[in-house]
Amino acid sequence: MKFINQYTKFIPYLYFISIVAYWFADINKSNGITAYPILLLGTPFLWQIVKPNKRLNFILGITFVCLSSYLILAYLFDILKISSFSLTFNDFIIYGGIFALLNFIMALWILRNSIHRSF
């Protein structure tokens, strides 16, 4: 149990690193070498795992809470506008909602880590 409690603070950073890696792999299939700048987006999260910084943690938390809030609002407005659903579009709506909600939860987790814990 101590092992789990020791490493739970790294879960949001690993989540965002995995999202960046997936996004890179998906774009790299079609665009090739132009997808490599996407990997730079994972640098602050990797830095927080290797050498934690409380100020960077707070900045990442605030930034991604704002971006995730905007993503949730855009998702909700998109759902409210649509009247008929196809089966494939219904899957997209479910996965998009899960993605938006997880981003918001992980951003809040990062923000909570920066407020309550010192690394």
PDB file of N, CA and C in Angstrom:
ATOM      1  N   MET A   1       0.817  -1.191   0.000  1.00  0.00           N
ATOM      2  CA  MET A   1       0.000   0.000   0.000  1.00  0.00           C
ATOM      3  C   MET A   1       0.866   1.262   0.000  1.00  0.00           C
ATOM      4  N   LYS A   2       2.000   1.193   0.682  1.00  0.00           N
ATOM      5  CA  LYS A   2       2.894   2.348   0.721  1.00  0.00           C
ATOM      6  C   LYS A   2       3.449   2.641  -0.670  1.00  0.00           C
ATOM      7  N   PHE A   3       3.710   1.584  -1.443  1.00  0.00           N
ATOM      8  CA  PHE A   3       4.209   1.737  -2.805  1.00  0.00           C
ATOM      9  C   PHE A   3       3.193   2.488  -3.666  1.00  0.00           C
ATOM     10  N   ILE A   4       1.918   2.132  -3.530  1.00  0.00           N
ATOM     11  CA  ILE A   4       0.867   2.781  -4.317  1.00  0.00           C
ATOM     12  C   ILE A   4       0.728   4.242  -3.914  1.00  0.00           C
ATOM     13  N   ASN A   5       0.720   4.515  -2.629  1.00  0.00           N
ATOM     14  CA  ASN A   5       0.590   5.896  -2.159  1.00  0.00           C
ATOM     15  C   ASN A   5       1.777   6.760  -2.576  1.00  0.00           C
ATOM     16  N   GLN A   6       2.938   6.155  -2.699  1.00  0.00           N
ATOM     17  CA  GLN A   6       4.135   6.902  -3.059  1.00  0.00           C
ATOM     18  C   GLN A   6       4.102   7.355  -4.520  1.00  0.00           C
ATOM     19  N   TYR A   7       3.500   6.561  -5.393  1.00  0.00           N
ATOM     20  CA  TYR A   7       3.548   6.852  -6.822  1.00  0.00           C
ATOM     21  C   TYR A   7       2.230   7.341  -7.414  1.00  0.00           C
ATOM     22  N   THR A   8       1.179   7.520  -6.617  1.00  0.00           N
ATOM     23  CA  THR A   8      -0.080   8.000  -7.176  1.00  0.00           C
ATOM     24  C   THR A   8       0.001   9.452  -7.647  1.00  0.00           C
ATOM     25  N   LYS A   9       0.915  10.223  -7.129  1.00  0.00           N
ATOM     26  CA  LYS A   9       1.033  11.618  -7.562  1.00  0.00           C
ATOM     27  C   LYS A   9       1.541  11.747  -8.992  1.00  0.00           C
ATOM     28  N   PHE A  10       2.084  10.670  -9.553  1.00  0.00           N
ATOM     29  CA  PHE A  10       2.595  10.709 -10.924  1.00  0.00           C
ATOM     30  C   PHE A  10       1.568  10.285 -11.967  1.00  0.00           C
ATOM     31  N   ILE A  11       0.392   9.827 -11.549  1.00  0.00           N
ATOM     32  CA  ILE A  11      -0.611   9.331 -12.486  1.00  0.00           C
ATOM     33  C   ILE A  11      -1.056  10.401 -13.486  1.00  0.00           C
ATOM     34  N   PRO A  12      -1.374  11.641 -13.073  1.00  0.00           N
ATOM     35  CA  PRO A  12      -1.803  12.617 -14.089  1.00  0.00           C
ATOM     36  C   PRO A  12      -0.721  12.940 -15.114  1.00  0.00           C
ATOM     37  N   TYR A  13       0.526  12.965 -14.692  1.00  0.00           N
ATOM     38  CA  TYR A  13       1.613  13.259 -15.632  1.00  0.00           C
ATOM     39  C   TYR A  13       1.773  12.123 -16.638  1.00  0.00           C
ATOM     40  N   LEU A  14       1.676  10.890 -16.165  1.00  0.00           N
ATOM     41  CA  LEU A  14       1.756   9.742 -17.068  1.00  0.00           C
ATOM     42  C   LEU A  14       0.568   9.714 -18.023  1.00  0.00           C
ATOM     43  N   TYR A  15      -0.599  10.151 -17.542  1.00  0.00           N
ATOM     44  CA  TYR A  15      -1.775  10.226 -18.400  1.00  0.00           C
ATOM     45  C   TYR A  15      -1.529  11.208 -19.547  1.00  0.00           C
ATOM     46  N   PHE A  16      -1.064  12.407 -19.235  1.00  0.00           N
ATOM     47  CA  PHE A  16      -0.851  13.397 -20.286  1.00  0.00           C
ATOM     48  C   PHE A  16       0.303  12.995 -21.210  1.00  0.00           C
ATOM     49  N   ILE A  17       1.318  12.327 -20.693  1.00  0.00           N
ATOM     50  CA  ILE A  17       2.402  11.826 -21.548  1.00  0.00           C
ATOM     51  C   ILE A  17       1.866  10.767 -22.503  1.00  0.00           C
ATOM     52  N   SER A  18       0.977   9.896 -22.018  1.00  0.00           N
ATOM     53  CA  SER A  18       0.410   8.870 -22.893  1.00  0.00           C
ATOM     54  C   SER A  18      -0.502   9.480 -23.957  1.00  0.00           C
ATOM     55  N   ILE A  19      -1.220  10.550 -23.618  1.00  0.00           N
ATOM     56  CA  ILE A  19      -2.049  11.238 -24.613  1.00  0.00           C
ATOM     57  C   ILE A  19      -1.167  11.859 -25.695  1.00  0.00           C
ATOM     58  N   VAL A  20      -0.076  12.487 -25.295  1.00  0.00           N
ATOM     59  CA  VAL A  20       0.847  13.082 -26.265  1.00  0.00           C
ATOM     60  C   VAL A  20       1.465  11.996 -27.147  1.00  0.00           C
ATOM     61  N   ALA A  21       1.839  10.868 -26.552  1.00  0.00           N
ATOM     62  CA  ALA A  21       2.427   9.768 -27.331  1.00  0.00           C
ATOM     63  C   ALA A  21       1.418   9.196 -28.331  1.00  0.00           C
ATOM     64  N   TYR A  22       0.171   9.054 -27.902  1.00  0.00           N
ATOM     65  CA  TYR A  22      -0.861   8.550 -28.819  1.00  0.00           C
ATOM     66  C   TYR A  22      -1.103   9.539 -29.948  1.00  0.00           C
ATOM     67  N   TRP A  23      -1.189  10.830 -29.605  1.00  0.00           N
ATOM     68  CA  TRP A  23      -1.411  11.858 -30.609  1.00  0.00           C
ATOM     69  C   TRP A  23      -0.258  11.882 -31.615  1.00  0.00           C
ATOM     70  N   PHE A  24       0.979  11.761 -31.102  1.00  0.00           N
ATOM     71  CA  PHE A  24       2.144  11.719 -31.979  1.00  0.00           C
ATOM     72  C   PHE A  24       2.083  10.518 -32.915  1.00  0.00           C
ATOM     73  N   ALA A  25       1.773   9.341 -32.373  1.00  0.00           N
ATOM     74  CA  ALA A  25       1.734   8.132 -33.198  1.00  0.00           C
ATOM     75  C   ALA A  25       0.654   8.230 -34.269  1.00  0.00           C
ATOM     76  N   ASP A  26      -0.474   8.808 -33.923  1.00  0.00           N
ATOM     77  CA  ASP A  26      -1.571   8.941 -34.876  1.00  0.00           C
ATOM     78  C   ASP A  26      -1.220   9.922 -35.997  1.00  0.00           C
ATOM     79  N   ILE A  27      -0.632  11.056 -35.648  1.00  0.00           N
ATOM     80  CA  ILE A  27      -0.254  12.054 -36.663  1.00  0.00           C
ATOM     81  C   ILE A  27       0.940  11.567 -37.482  1.00  0.00           C
ATOM     82  N   ASN A  28       1.840  10.830 -36.848  1.00  0.00           N
ATOM     83  CA  ASN A  28       3.043  10.354 -37.533  1.00  0.00           C
ATOM     84  C   ASN A  28       2.702   9.372 -38.653  1.00  0.00           C
ATOM     85  N   LYS A  29       1.597   8.648 -38.531  1.00  0.00           N
ATOM     86  CA  LYS A  29       1.196   7.711 -39.581  1.00  0.00           C
ATOM     87  C   LYS A  29       0.901   8.429 -40.893  1.00  0.00           C
ATOM     88  N   SER A  30       0.314   9.594 -40.800  1.00  0.00           N
ATOM     89  CA  SER A  30      -0.086  10.287 -42.023  1.00  0.00           C
ATOM     90  C   SER A  30       0.872  11.408 -42.436  1.00  0.00           C
ATOM     91  N   ASN A  31       1.498  12.095 -41.479  1.00  0.00           N
ATOM     92  CA  ASN A  31       2.303  13.265 -41.817  1.00  0.00           C
ATOM     93  C   ASN A  31       3.803  13.037 -41.732  1.00  0.00           C
ATOM     94  N   GLY A  32       4.233  11.978 -41.126  1.00  0.00           N
ATOM     95  CA  GLY A  32       5.652  11.690 -41.057  1.00  0.00           C
ATOM     96  C   GLY A  32       6.410  12.587 -40.109  1.00  0.00           C
ATOM     97  N   ILE A  33       7.490  13.168 -40.604  1.00  0.00           N
ATOM     98  CA  ILE A  33       8.421  13.911 -39.748  1.00  0.00           C
ATOM     99  C   ILE A  33       7.823  15.199 -39.173  1.00  0.00           C
ATOM    100  N   THR A  34       6.764  15.712 -39.756  1.00  0.00           N
ATOM    101  CA  THR A  34       6.168  16.948 -39.240  1.00  0.00           C
ATOM    102  C   THR A  34       5.455  16.734 -37.911  1.00  0.00           C
ATOM    103  N   ALA A  35       5.295  15.503 -37.470  1.00  0.00           N
ATOM    104  CA  ALA A  35       4.619  15.219 -36.201  1.00  0.00           C
ATOM    105  C   ALA A  35       5.560  15.314 -35.003  1.00  0.00           C
ATOM    106  N   TYR A  36       6.846  15.412 -35.221  1.00  0.00           N
ATOM    107  CA  TYR A  36       7.800  15.405 -34.109  1.00  0.00           C
ATOM    108  C   TYR A  36       7.688  16.599 -33.157  1.00  0.00           C
ATOM    109  N   PRO A  37       7.279  17.790 -33.597  1.00  0.00           N
ATOM    110  CA  PRO A  37       7.082  18.867 -32.611  1.00  0.00           C
ATOM    111  C   PRO A  37       6.004  18.567 -31.568  1.00  0.00           C
ATOM    112  N   ILE A  38       5.107  17.643 -31.859  1.00  0.00           N
ATOM    113  CA  ILE A  38       4.079  17.253 -30.893  1.00  0.00           C
ATOM    114  C   ILE A  38       4.726  16.654 -29.640  1.00  0.00           C
ATOM    115  N   LEU A  39       5.847  15.993 -29.806  1.00  0.00           N
ATOM    116  CA  LEU A  39       6.528  15.388 -28.662  1.00  0.00           C
ATOM    117  C   LEU A  39       6.993  16.431 -27.646  1.00  0.00           C
ATOM    118  N   LEU A  40       7.186  17.655 -28.091  1.00  0.00           N
ATOM    119  CA  LEU A  40       7.591  18.723 -27.166  1.00  0.00           C
ATOM    120  C   LEU A  40       6.513  19.032 -26.136  1.00  0.00           C
ATOM    121  N   LEU A  41       5.263  18.725 -26.451  1.00  0.00           N
ATOM    122  CA  LEU A  41       4.176  18.972 -25.506  1.00  0.00           C
ATOM    123  C   LEU A  41       4.279  18.094 -24.259  1.00  0.00           C
ATOM    124  N   GLY A  42       4.942  16.971 -24.369  1.00  0.00           N
ATOM    125  CA  GLY A  42       5.092  16.079 -23.225  1.00  0.00           C
ATOM    126  C   GLY A  42       6.268  16.418 -22.332  1.00  0.00           C
ATOM    127  N   THR A  43       7.109  17.352 -22.744  1.00  0.00           N
ATOM    128  CA  THR A  43       8.309  17.696 -21.990  1.00  0.00           C
ATOM    129  C   THR A  43       8.027  18.209 -20.575  1.00  0.00           C
ATOM    130  N   PRO A  44       7.072  19.129 -20.368  1.00  0.00           N
ATOM    131  CA  PRO A  44       6.849  19.590 -18.991  1.00  0.00           C
ATOM    132  C   PRO A  44       6.352  18.484 -18.058  1.00  0.00           C
ATOM    133  N   PHE A  45       5.560  17.560 -18.589  1.00  0.00           N
ATOM    134  CA  PHE A  45       5.051  16.473 -17.762  1.00  0.00           C
ATOM    135  C   PHE A  45       6.165  15.490 -17.414  1.00  0.00           C
ATOM    136  N   LEU A  46       7.034  15.226 -18.376  1.00  0.00           N
ATOM    137  CA  LEU A  46       8.184  14.370 -18.099  1.00  0.00           C
ATOM    138  C   LEU A  46       9.123  15.038 -17.105  1.00  0.00           C
ATOM    139  N   TRP A  47       9.290  16.341 -17.213  1.00  0.00           N
ATOM    140  CA  TRP A  47      10.136  17.090 -16.286  1.00  0.00           C
ATOM    141  C   TRP A  47       9.588  16.996 -14.866  1.00  0.00           C
ATOM    142  N   GLN A  48       8.273  17.031 -14.716  1.00  0.00           N
ATOM    143  CA  GLN A  48       7.669  16.936 -13.388  1.00  0.00           C
ATOM    144  C   GLN A  48       7.904  15.569 -12.756  1.00  0.00           C
ATOM    145  N   ILE A  49       8.044  14.547 -13.555  1.00  0.00           N
ATOM    146  CA  ILE A  49       8.330  13.213 -13.007  1.00  0.00           C
ATOM    147  C   ILE A  49       9.797  13.112 -12.615  1.00  0.00           C
ATOM    148  N   VAL A  50      10.690  13.616 -13.478  1.00  0.00           N
ATOM    149  CA  VAL A  50      12.126  13.502 -13.232  1.00  0.00           C
ATOM    150  C   VAL A  50      12.585  14.450 -12.133  1.00  0.00           C
ATOM    151  N   LYS A  51      12.260  15.729 -12.262  1.00  0.00           N
ATOM    152  CA  LYS A  51      12.690  16.735 -11.287  1.00  0.00           C
ATOM    153  C   LYS A  51      11.514  17.663 -10.992  1.00  0.00           C
ATOM    154  N   PRO A  52      10.690  17.330 -10.000  1.00  0.00           N
ATOM    155  CA  PRO A  52       9.477  18.105  -9.736  1.00  0.00           C
ATOM    156  C   PRO A  52       9.759  19.547  -9.332  1.00  0.00           C
ATOM    157  N   ASN A  53       8.891  20.423  -9.804  1.00  0.00           N
ATOM    158  CA  ASN A  53       8.968  21.842  -9.508  1.00  0.00           C
ATOM    159  C   ASN A  53       7.561  22.307  -9.146  1.00  0.00           C
ATOM    160  N   LYS A  54       7.380  22.884  -7.976  1.00  0.00           N
ATOM    161  CA  LYS A  54       6.058  23.266  -7.503  1.00  0.00           C
ATOM    162  C   LYS A  54       5.428  24.352  -8.372  1.00  0.00           C
ATOM    163  N   ARG A  55       6.207  25.310  -8.837  1.00  0.00           N
ATOM    164  CA  ARG A  55       5.672  26.389  -9.658  1.00  0.00           C
ATOM    165  C   ARG A  55       5.216  25.867 -11.022  1.00  0.00           C
ATOM    166  N   LEU A  56       6.025  25.031 -11.655  1.00  0.00           N
ATOM    167  CA  LEU A  56       5.641  24.439 -12.937  1.00  0.00           C
ATOM    168  C   LEU A  56       4.398  23.575 -12.760  1.00  0.00           C
ATOM    169  N   ASN A  57       4.312  22.870 -11.656  1.00  0.00           N
ATOM    170  CA  ASN A  57       3.160  22.031 -11.370  1.00  0.00           C
ATOM    171  C   ASN A  57       1.897  22.876 -11.288  1.00  0.00           C
ATOM    172  N   PHE A  58       1.962  24.010 -10.591  1.00  0.00           N
ATOM    173  CA  PHE A  58       0.812  24.891 -10.458  1.00  0.00           C
ATOM    174  C   PHE A  58       0.416  25.479 -11.810  1.00  0.00           C
ATOM    175  N   ILE A  59       1.397  25.874 -12.616  1.00  0.00           N
ATOM    176  CA  ILE A  59       1.124  26.438 -13.943  1.00  0.00           C
ATOM    177  C   ILE A  59       0.478  25.391 -14.838  1.00  0.00           C
ATOM    178  N   LEU A  60       0.993  24.160 -14.820  1.00  0.00           N
ATOM    179  CA  LEU A  60       0.388  23.087 -15.609  1.00  0.00           C
ATOM    180  C   LEU A  60      -1.039  22.812 -15.156  1.00  0.00           C
ATOM    181  N   GLY A  61      -1.263  22.801 -13.849  1.00  0.00           N
ATOM    182  CA  GLY A  61      -2.596  22.543 -13.328  1.00  0.00           C
ATOM    183  C   GLY A  61      -3.593  23.598 -13.762  1.00  0.00           C
ATOM    184  N   ILE A  62      -3.261  24.869 -13.582  1.00  0.00           N
ATOM    185  CA  ILE A  62      -4.161  25.960 -13.967  1.00  0.00           C
ATOM    186  C   ILE A  62      -4.409  25.960 -15.474  1.00  0.00           C
ATOM    187  N   THR A  63      -3.360  25.798 -16.250  1.00  0.00           N
ATOM    188  CA  THR A  63      -3.496  25.813 -17.708  1.00  0.00           C
ATOM    189  C   THR A  63      -4.416  24.704 -18.188  1.00  0.00           C
ATOM    190  N   PHE A  64      -4.204  23.504 -17.688  1.00  0.00           N
ATOM    191  CA  PHE A  64      -5.002  22.386 -18.181  1.00  0.00           C
ATOM    192  C   PHE A  64      -6.395  22.338 -17.577  1.00  0.00           C
ATOM    193  N   VAL A  65      -6.624  22.939 -16.431  1.00  0.00           N
ATOM    194  CA  VAL A  65      -7.996  23.078 -15.933  1.00  0.00           C
ATOM    195  C   VAL A  65      -8.766  24.020 -16.857  1.00  0.00           C
ATOM    196  N   CYS A  66      -8.150  25.113 -17.251  1.00  0.00           N
ATOM    197  CA  CYS A  66      -8.806  26.047 -18.172  1.00  0.00           C
ATOM    198  C   CYS A  66      -9.065  25.404 -19.533  1.00  0.00           C
ATOM    199  N   LEU A  67      -8.064  24.741 -20.095  1.00  0.00           N
ATOM    200  CA  LEU A  67      -8.243  24.086 -21.390  1.00  0.00           C
ATOM    201  C   LEU A  67      -9.283  22.970 -21.327  1.00  0.00           C
ATOM    202  N   SER A  68      -9.272  22.211 -20.245  1.00  0.00           N
ATOM    203  CA  SER A  68     -10.235  21.123 -20.102  1.00  0.00           C
ATOM    204  C   SER A  68     -11.648  21.657 -19.891  1.00  0.00           C
ATOM    205  N   SER A  69     -11.778  22.760 -19.186  1.00  0.00           N
ATOM    206  CA  SER A  69     -13.099  23.377 -19.021  1.00  0.00           C
ATOM    207  C   SER A  69     -13.652  23.824 -20.368  1.00  0.00           C
ATOM    208  N   TYR A  70     -12.796  24.431 -21.170  1.00  0.00           N
ATOM    209  CA  TYR A  70     -13.203  24.840 -22.514  1.00  0.00           C
ATOM    210  C   TYR A  70     -13.571  23.623 -23.350  1.00  0.00           C
ATOM    211  N   LEU A  71     -12.815  22.542 -23.243  1.00  0.00           N
ATOM    212  CA  LEU A  71     -13.092  21.317 -23.990  1.00  0.00           C
ATOM    213  C   LEU A  71     -14.437  20.719 -23.581  1.00  0.00           C
ATOM    214  N   ILE A  72     -14.747  20.742 -22.296  1.00  0.00           N
ATOM    215  CA  ILE A  72     -16.030  20.218 -21.822  1.00  0.00           C
ATOM    216  C   ILE A  72     -17.178  21.086 -22.326  1.00  0.00           C
ATOM    217  N   LEU A  73     -17.020  22.409 -22.273  1.00  0.00           N
ATOM    218  CA  LEU A  73     -18.070  23.294 -22.775  1.00  0.00           C
ATOM    219  C   LEU A  73     -18.294  23.097 -24.277  1.00  0.00           C
ATOM    220  N   ALA A  74     -17.223  22.991 -25.046  1.00  0.00           N
ATOM    221  CA  ALA A  74     -17.348  22.760 -26.485  1.00  0.00           C
ATOM    222  C   ALA A  74     -18.025  21.415 -26.756  1.00  0.00           C
ATOM    223  N   TYR A  75     -17.686  20.418 -25.984  1.00  0.00           N
ATOM    224  CA  TYR A  75     -18.297  19.100 -26.128  1.00  0.00           C
ATOM    225  C   TYR A  75     -19.791  19.160 -25.829  1.00  0.00           C
ATOM    226  N   LEU A  76     -20.181  19.834 -24.746  1.00  0.00           N
ATOM    227  CA  LEU A  76     -21.591  19.933 -24.382  1.00  0.00           C
ATOM    228  C   LEU A  76     -22.383  20.724 -25.422  1.00  0.00           C
ATOM    229  N   PHE A  77     -21.836  21.824 -25.927  1.00  0.00           N
ATOM    230  CA  PHE A  77     -22.534  22.593 -26.944  1.00  0.00           C
ATOM    231  C   PHE A  77     -22.675  21.794 -28.236  1.00  0.00           C
ATOM    232  N   ASP A  78     -21.695  20.971 -28.553  1.00  0.00           N
ATOM    233  CA  ASP A  78     -21.768  20.135 -29.741  1.00  0.00           C
ATOM    234  C   ASP A  78     -22.850  19.074 -29.583  1.00  0.00           C
ATOM    235  N   ILE A  79     -22.973  18.498 -28.410  1.00  0.00           N
ATOM    236  CA  ILE A  79     -23.996  17.479 -28.174  1.00  0.00           C
ATOM    237  C   ILE A  79     -25.394  18.089 -28.235  1.00  0.00           C
ATOM    238  N   LEU A  80     -25.560  19.270 -27.664  1.00  0.00           N
ATOM    239  CA  LEU A  80     -26.881  19.892 -27.626  1.00  0.00           C
ATOM    240  C   LEU A  80     -27.378  20.306 -29.010  1.00  0.00           C
ATOM    241  N   LYS A  81     -26.465  20.535 -29.933  1.00  0.00           N
ATOM    242  CA  LYS A  81     -26.813  20.965 -31.276  1.00  0.00           C
ATOM    243  C   LYS A  81     -27.241  19.808 -32.176  1.00  0.00           C
ATOM    244  N   ILE A  82     -26.817  18.598 -31.851  1.00  0.00           N
ATOM    245  CA  ILE A  82     -27.013  17.448 -32.732  1.00  0.00           C
ATOM    246  C   ILE A  82     -28.346  16.777 -32.398  1.00  0.00           C
ATOM    247  N   SER A  83     -29.135  16.497 -33.433  1.00  0.00           N
ATOM    248  CA  SER A  83     -30.444  15.895 -33.195  1.00  0.00           C
ATOM    249  C   SER A  83     -30.462  14.398 -33.482  1.00  0.00           C
ATOM    250  N   SER A  84     -29.791  13.938 -34.519  1.00  0.00           N
ATOM    251  CA  SER A  84     -29.810  12.504 -34.828  1.00  0.00           C
ATOM    252  C   SER A  84     -28.394  11.935 -34.690  1.00  0.00           C
ATOM    253  N   PHE A  85     -28.324  10.742 -34.189  1.00  0.00           N
ATOM    254  CA  PHE A  85     -27.041  10.076 -33.962  1.00  0.00           C
ATOM    255  C   PHE A  85     -26.945   8.826 -34.829  1.00  0.00           C
ATOM    256  N   SER A  86     -25.825   8.654 -35.478  1.00  0.00           N
ATOM    257  CA  SER A  86     -25.543   7.385 -36.133  1.00  0.00           C
ATOM    258  C   SER A  86     -24.754   6.525 -35.155  1.00  0.00           C
ATOM    259  N   LEU A  87     -24.593   5.277 -35.463  1.00  0.00           N
ATOM    260  CA  LEU A  87     -23.923   4.365 -34.539  1.00  0.00           C
ATOM    261  C   LEU A  87     -22.451   4.728 -34.351  1.00  0.00           C
ATOM    262  N   THR A  88     -21.747   5.061 -35.428  1.00  0.00           N
ATOM    263  CA  THR A  88     -20.331   5.418 -35.293  1.00  0.00           C
ATOM    264  C   THR A  88     -20.175   6.773 -34.615  1.00  0.00           C
ATOM    265  N   PHE A  89     -21.107   7.680 -34.872  1.00  0.00           N
ATOM    266  CA  PHE A  89     -21.033   8.979 -34.235  1.00  0.00           C
ATOM    267  C   PHE A  89     -21.353   8.874 -32.750  1.00  0.00           C
ATOM    268  N   ASN A  90     -22.212   7.942 -32.394  1.00  0.00           N
ATOM    269  CA  ASN A  90     -22.536   7.705 -30.991  1.00  0.00           C
ATOM    270  C   ASN A  90     -21.291   7.241 -30.237  1.00  0.00           C
ATOM    271  N   ASP A  91     -20.482   6.386 -30.840  1.00  0.00           N
ATOM    272  CA  ASP A  91     -19.214   5.958 -30.229  1.00  0.00           C
ATOM    273  C   ASP A  91     -18.272   7.138 -30.052  1.00  0.00           C
ATOM    274  N   PHE A  92     -18.218   8.009 -31.055  1.00  0.00           N
ATOM    275  CA  PHE A  92     -17.376   9.202 -30.970  1.00  0.00           C
ATOM    276  C   PHE A  92     -17.810  10.092 -29.818  1.00  0.00           C
ATOM    277  N   ILE A  93     -19.107  10.251 -29.637  1.00  0.00           N
ATOM    278  CA  ILE A  93     -19.614  11.091 -28.549  1.00  0.00           C
ATOM    279  C   ILE A  93     -19.243  10.499 -27.197  1.00  0.00           C
ATOM    280  N   ILE A  94     -19.357   9.198 -27.052  1.00  0.00           N
ATOM    281  CA  ILE A  94     -19.014   8.548 -25.778  1.00  0.00           C
ATOM    282  C   ILE A  94     -17.526   8.693 -25.494  1.00  0.00           C
ATOM    283  N   TYR A  95     -16.667   8.393 -26.476  1.00  0.00           N
ATOM    284  CA  TYR A  95     -15.224   8.491 -26.262  1.00  0.00           C
ATOM    285  C   TYR A  95     -14.777   9.937 -26.063  1.00  0.00           C
ATOM    286  N   GLY A  96     -15.398  10.865 -26.781  1.00  0.00           N
ATOM    287  CA  GLY A  96     -15.073  12.277 -26.605  1.00  0.00           C
ATOM    288  C   GLY A  96     -15.434  12.778 -25.217  1.00  0.00           C
ATOM    289  N   GLY A  97     -16.568  12.342 -24.713  1.00  0.00           N
ATOM    290  CA  GLY A  97     -16.971  12.722 -23.359  1.00  0.00           C
ATOM    291  C   GLY A  97     -16.048  12.158 -22.300  1.00  0.00           C
ATOM    292  N   ILE A  98     -15.654  10.919 -22.469  1.00  0.00           N
ATOM    293  CA  ILE A  98     -14.718  10.301 -21.518  1.00  0.00           C
ATOM    294  C   ILE A  98     -13.380  11.029 -21.558  1.00  0.00           C
ATOM    295  N   PHE A  99     -12.910  11.366 -22.757  1.00  0.00           N
ATOM    296  CA  PHE A  99     -11.643  12.082 -22.901  1.00  0.00           C
ATOM    297  C   PHE A  99     -11.703  13.452 -22.230  1.00  0.00           C
ATOM    298  N   ALA A 100     -12.776  14.200 -22.474  1.00  0.00           N
ATOM    299  CA  ALA A 100     -12.906  15.538 -21.892  1.00  0.00           C
ATOM    300  C   ALA A 100     -12.985  15.460 -20.373  1.00  0.00           C
ATOM    301  N   LEU A 101     -13.732  14.518 -19.859  1.00  0.00           N
ATOM    302  CA  LEU A 101     -13.869  14.373 -18.413  1.00  0.00           C
ATOM    303  C   LEU A 101     -12.560  13.932 -17.762  1.00  0.00           C
ATOM    304  N   LEU A 102     -11.860  12.979 -18.372  1.00  0.00           N
ATOM    305  CA  LEU A 102     -10.573  12.537 -17.826  1.00  0.00           C
ATOM    306  C   LEU A 102      -9.535  13.656 -17.842  1.00  0.00           C
ATOM    307  N   ASN A 103      -9.511  14.450 -18.902  1.00  0.00           N
ATOM    308  CA  ASN A 103      -8.578  15.581 -18.942  1.00  0.00           C
ATOM    309  C   ASN A 103      -8.848  16.541 -17.795  1.00  0.00           C
ATOM    310  N   PHE A 104     -10.115  16.820 -17.532  1.00  0.00           N
ATOM    311  CA  PHE A 104     -10.467  17.732 -16.456  1.00  0.00           C
ATOM    312  C   PHE A 104     -10.081  17.152 -15.095  1.00  0.00           C
ATOM    313  N   ILE A 105     -10.355  15.882 -14.891  1.00  0.00           N
ATOM    314  CA  ILE A 105     -10.020  15.239 -13.614  1.00  0.00           C
ATOM    315  C   ILE A 105      -8.507  15.225 -13.393  1.00  0.00           C
ATOM    316  N   MET A 106      -7.745  14.879 -14.418  1.00  0.00           N
ATOM    317  CA  MET A 106      -6.288  14.838 -14.277  1.00  0.00           C
ATOM    318  C   MET A 106      -5.716  16.235 -14.054  1.00  0.00           C
ATOM    319  N   ALA A 107      -6.287  17.245 -14.690  1.00  0.00           N
ATOM    320  CA  ALA A 107      -5.817  18.616 -14.465  1.00  0.00           C
ATOM    321  C   ALA A 107      -6.115  19.060 -13.031  1.00  0.00           C
ATOM    322  N   LEU A 108      -7.282  18.690 -12.518  1.00  0.00           N
ATOM    323  CA  LEU A 108      -7.584  19.001 -11.117  1.00  0.00           C
ATOM    324  C   LEU A 108      -6.653  18.266 -10.172  1.00  0.00           C
ATOM    325  N   TRP A 109      -6.287  17.041 -10.535  1.00  0.00           N
ATOM    326  CA  TRP A 109      -5.368  16.255  -9.723  1.00  0.00           C
ATOM    327  C   TRP A 109      -3.993  16.922  -9.674  1.00  0.00           C
ATOM    328  N   ILE A 110      -3.530  17.414 -10.818  1.00  0.00           N
ATOM    329  CA  ILE A 110      -2.251  18.132 -10.856  1.00  0.00           C
ATOM    330  C   ILE A 110      -2.321  19.374  -9.974  1.00  0.00           C
ATOM    331  N   LEU A 111      -3.422  20.103 -10.086  1.00  0.00           N
ATOM    332  CA  LEU A 111      -3.598  21.308  -9.275  1.00  0.00           C
ATOM    333  C   LEU A 111      -3.644  20.966  -7.790  1.00  0.00           C
ATOM    334  N   ARG A 112      -4.306  19.889  -7.449  1.00  0.00           N
ATOM    335  CA  ARG A 112      -4.361  19.452  -6.049  1.00  0.00           C
ATOM    336  C   ARG A 112      -2.973  19.057  -5.545  1.00  0.00           C
ATOM    337  N   ASN A 113      -2.199  18.398  -6.385  1.00  0.00           N
ATOM    338  CA  ASN A 113      -0.825  18.037  -6.010  1.00  0.00           C
ATOM    339  C   ASN A 113       0.016  19.278  -5.740  1.00  0.00           C
ATOM    340  N   SER A 114      -0.184  20.318  -6.523  1.00  0.00           N
ATOM    341  CA  SER A 114       0.635  21.514  -6.325  1.00  0.00           C
ATOM    342  C   SER A 114       0.220  22.288  -5.083  1.00  0.00           C
ATOM    343  N   ILE A 115      -1.019  22.164  -4.666  1.00  0.00           N
ATOM    344  CA  ILE A 115      -1.487  22.896  -3.487  1.00  0.00           C
ATOM    345  C   ILE A 115      -1.225  22.126  -2.204  1.00  0.00           C
ATOM    346  N   HIS A 116      -1.525  20.838  -2.191  1.00  0.00           N
ATOM    347  CA  HIS A 116      -1.478  20.067  -0.951  1.00  0.00           C
ATOM    348  C   HIS A 116      -0.152  19.381  -0.660  1.00  0.00           C
ATOM    349  N   ARG A 117       0.614  19.095  -1.677  1.00  0.00           N
ATOM    350  CA  ARG A 117       1.843  18.324  -1.445  1.00  0.00           C
ATOM    351  C   ARG A 117       3.055  19.114  -1.878  1.00  0.00           C
ATOM    352  N   SER A 118       4.088  18.923  -1.154  1.00  0.00           N
ATOM    353  CA  SER A 118       5.380  19.385  -1.647  1.00  0.00           C
ATOM    354  C   SER A 118       6.124  18.143  -2.108  1.00  0.00           C
ATOM    355  N   PHE A 119       6.739  18.220  -3.254  1.00  0.00           N
ATOM    356  CA  PHE A 119       7.381  17.037  -3.854  1.00  0.00           C
ATOM    357  C   PHE A 119       8.646  16.683  -3.100  1.00  0.00           C
TER     358      PHE A 119
END
